[in-house]
Protein backbone atom coordinates (compact mmCIF):
# COMPACT_ATOMS: atom_id res chain seq x y z
CA MET A 1 -38.30 14.15 35.68
CA THR A 2 -35.26 15.40 33.71
CA ALA A 3 -32.97 13.52 31.33
CA ARG A 4 -29.47 14.95 30.94
CA PHE A 5 -26.93 14.24 28.20
CA ASN A 6 -24.22 12.16 29.84
CA ALA A 7 -22.33 9.96 27.38
CA ILE A 8 -21.46 9.07 23.81
CA GLY A 9 -21.30 5.34 23.17
CA LEU A 10 -19.52 3.55 20.34
CA VAL A 11 -19.56 -0.16 19.54
CA VAL A 12 -16.08 -1.42 18.61
CA SER A 13 -14.68 -4.58 17.06
CA ASP A 14 -11.30 -4.50 18.77
CA MET A 15 -11.18 -2.81 22.17
CA ALA A 16 -7.38 -2.61 22.32
CA ALA A 17 -7.11 -0.95 18.89
CA SER A 18 -9.89 1.51 19.71
CA VAL A 19 -8.46 2.47 23.11
CA THR A 20 -5.03 2.99 21.50
CA PHE A 21 -6.58 5.23 18.81
CA TYR A 22 -8.55 7.39 21.25
CA ARG A 23 -5.61 7.67 23.65
CA ARG A 24 -3.59 9.13 20.75
CA LEU A 25 -6.28 11.81 20.60
CA GLY A 26 -5.91 12.55 24.32
CA PHE A 27 -8.79 10.53 25.80
CA ALA A 28 -7.82 9.23 29.26
CA PHE A 29 -8.89 5.59 29.29
CA PRO A 30 -7.75 3.77 32.44
CA PRO A 31 -4.93 1.23 32.29
CA GLY A 32 -6.06 -2.33 31.61
CA CYS A 33 -9.34 -1.44 29.94
CA GLU A 34 -8.00 -2.77 26.63
CA GLU A 35 -8.90 -6.27 27.80
CA GLN A 36 -12.40 -5.43 29.02
CA PRO A 37 -15.72 -5.54 27.12
CA HIS A 38 -16.55 -1.98 28.26
CA ALA A 39 -14.33 1.08 28.69
CA GLU A 40 -15.02 4.70 29.67
CA ALA A 41 -13.06 7.93 29.42
CA GLY A 42 -14.19 11.08 31.19
CA LEU A 43 -14.58 14.20 29.06
CA PRO A 44 -14.76 17.86 30.06
CA GLY A 45 -18.08 18.84 31.58
CA GLY A 46 -18.73 15.38 33.00
CA ILE A 47 -19.59 13.72 29.67
CA ARG A 48 -18.09 10.28 29.02
CA LEU A 49 -16.96 8.39 25.92
CA LEU A 50 -18.11 4.77 26.24
CA LEU A 51 -16.70 1.91 24.19
CA ASP A 52 -18.40 -1.50 24.13
CA THR A 53 -17.28 -4.55 22.18
CA GLU A 54 -19.63 -6.19 19.70
CA GLU A 55 -19.66 -9.26 21.97
CA SER A 56 -20.74 -7.12 24.91
CA VAL A 57 -23.66 -5.68 22.95
CA ARG A 58 -24.69 -9.19 21.85
CA SER A 59 -24.75 -10.26 25.51
CA PHE A 60 -27.86 -8.12 26.06
CA THR A 61 -29.12 -7.89 22.44
CA PRO A 62 -28.72 -11.38 20.95
CA GLY A 63 -28.27 -11.37 17.20
CA TRP A 64 -27.08 -7.74 17.06
CA GLN A 65 -25.03 -6.99 13.94
CA PRO A 66 -23.03 -3.88 13.08
CA PRO A 67 -24.80 -1.61 10.59
CA ALA A 68 -23.79 -2.01 6.95
CA GLY A 69 -22.56 0.87 4.85
CA GLY A 70 -20.88 4.11 5.79
CA GLY A 71 -20.81 5.87 9.12
CA ARG A 72 -23.69 8.09 10.16
CA HIS A 73 -21.95 10.00 12.92
CA SER A 74 -18.61 11.44 13.87
CA LEU A 75 -16.82 12.94 16.82
CA ALA A 76 -15.38 16.42 16.31
CA LEU A 77 -12.22 17.57 18.08
CA LEU A 78 -11.26 21.24 18.27
CA CYS A 79 -7.55 21.86 17.76
CA ASP A 80 -5.77 25.04 18.88
CA THR A 81 -4.43 26.01 15.45
CA PRO A 82 -4.69 25.02 11.79
CA ALA A 83 -1.13 23.67 12.02
CA GLU A 84 -2.26 21.36 14.85
CA VAL A 85 -4.97 19.91 12.57
CA ASP A 86 -2.27 19.06 10.02
CA ALA A 87 0.08 17.64 12.68
CA PHE A 88 -2.63 15.47 14.29
CA TYR A 89 -3.71 14.17 10.88
CA ASP A 90 -0.09 13.34 9.94
CA GLU A 91 0.54 11.67 13.30
CA LEU A 92 -2.59 9.51 13.08
CA THR A 93 -2.21 8.47 9.45
CA GLY A 94 1.51 7.89 10.06
CA ALA A 95 0.55 5.46 12.84
CA GLY A 96 -1.64 3.53 10.38
CA CYS A 97 -5.03 5.15 10.96
CA LYS A 98 -7.18 5.61 7.85
CA GLY A 99 -7.37 9.18 6.65
CA GLU A 100 -10.77 9.87 5.13
CA ARG A 101 -10.15 13.51 4.12
CA GLU A 102 -6.77 15.23 4.15
CA PRO A 103 -6.61 18.66 5.81
CA TRP A 104 -8.19 21.48 3.83
CA ASP A 105 -9.37 25.02 4.36
CA ALA A 106 -13.15 24.66 4.56
CA PRO A 107 -15.37 27.42 3.18
CA TRP A 108 -16.93 27.90 6.63
CA GLY A 109 -13.62 29.26 7.97
CA GLN A 110 -11.96 26.23 9.53
CA ARG A 111 -8.98 24.02 8.81
CA TYR A 112 -10.61 20.60 8.67
CA ALA A 113 -9.57 16.94 8.32
CA VAL A 114 -11.23 13.57 8.91
CA VAL A 115 -9.70 10.31 10.13
CA ASN A 116 -11.47 7.05 10.91
CA ASP A 117 -11.12 5.06 14.09
CA PRO A 118 -10.48 1.29 13.76
CA ASP A 119 -14.21 0.65 13.20
CA GLY A 120 -14.72 3.42 10.66
CA HIS A 121 -16.25 5.97 13.05
CA GLY A 122 -15.35 9.41 11.71
CA VAL A 123 -13.25 11.73 13.83
CA ASP A 124 -13.18 15.33 12.57
CA LEU A 125 -10.21 17.51 13.45
CA PHE A 126 -10.77 21.25 13.08
CA ALA A 127 -9.49 24.70 14.05
CA PRO A 128 -10.54 28.24 13.15
CA LEU A 129 -8.54 29.67 10.24
CA ALA A 130 -8.45 33.11 11.81
CA PRO A 131 -8.13 33.88 15.52
CA ALA A 132 -11.41 34.69 17.28
CA GLN A 133 -12.02 38.42 17.42
């Protein structure tokens, strides 16, 4: 028996807002999924990003409540260049998304920024500061 990593699942409060946010980042959610309790976008390598509404989760786990406090996970998206990190951050915060950490040159050699999706899930944007040798 073998278990294989297949998906990342996030619970969301507002499906339409979450789908809109992740589409801005390039995730290909199918048309019409904004009105559904579950949505999936295929990722490279066959992995999927799954979004489920809080109501959907409560349908099979009665009494479920979102965790209190800050996020404990994030998604990380590799950008082609440091300038793309800045541009993505500006585009997302300009569209009303919450910026958690403005772009900066991290000591580990990457241009880095953090935005939050509509439910506060962190999304890290990063690119190498120097081209790969």
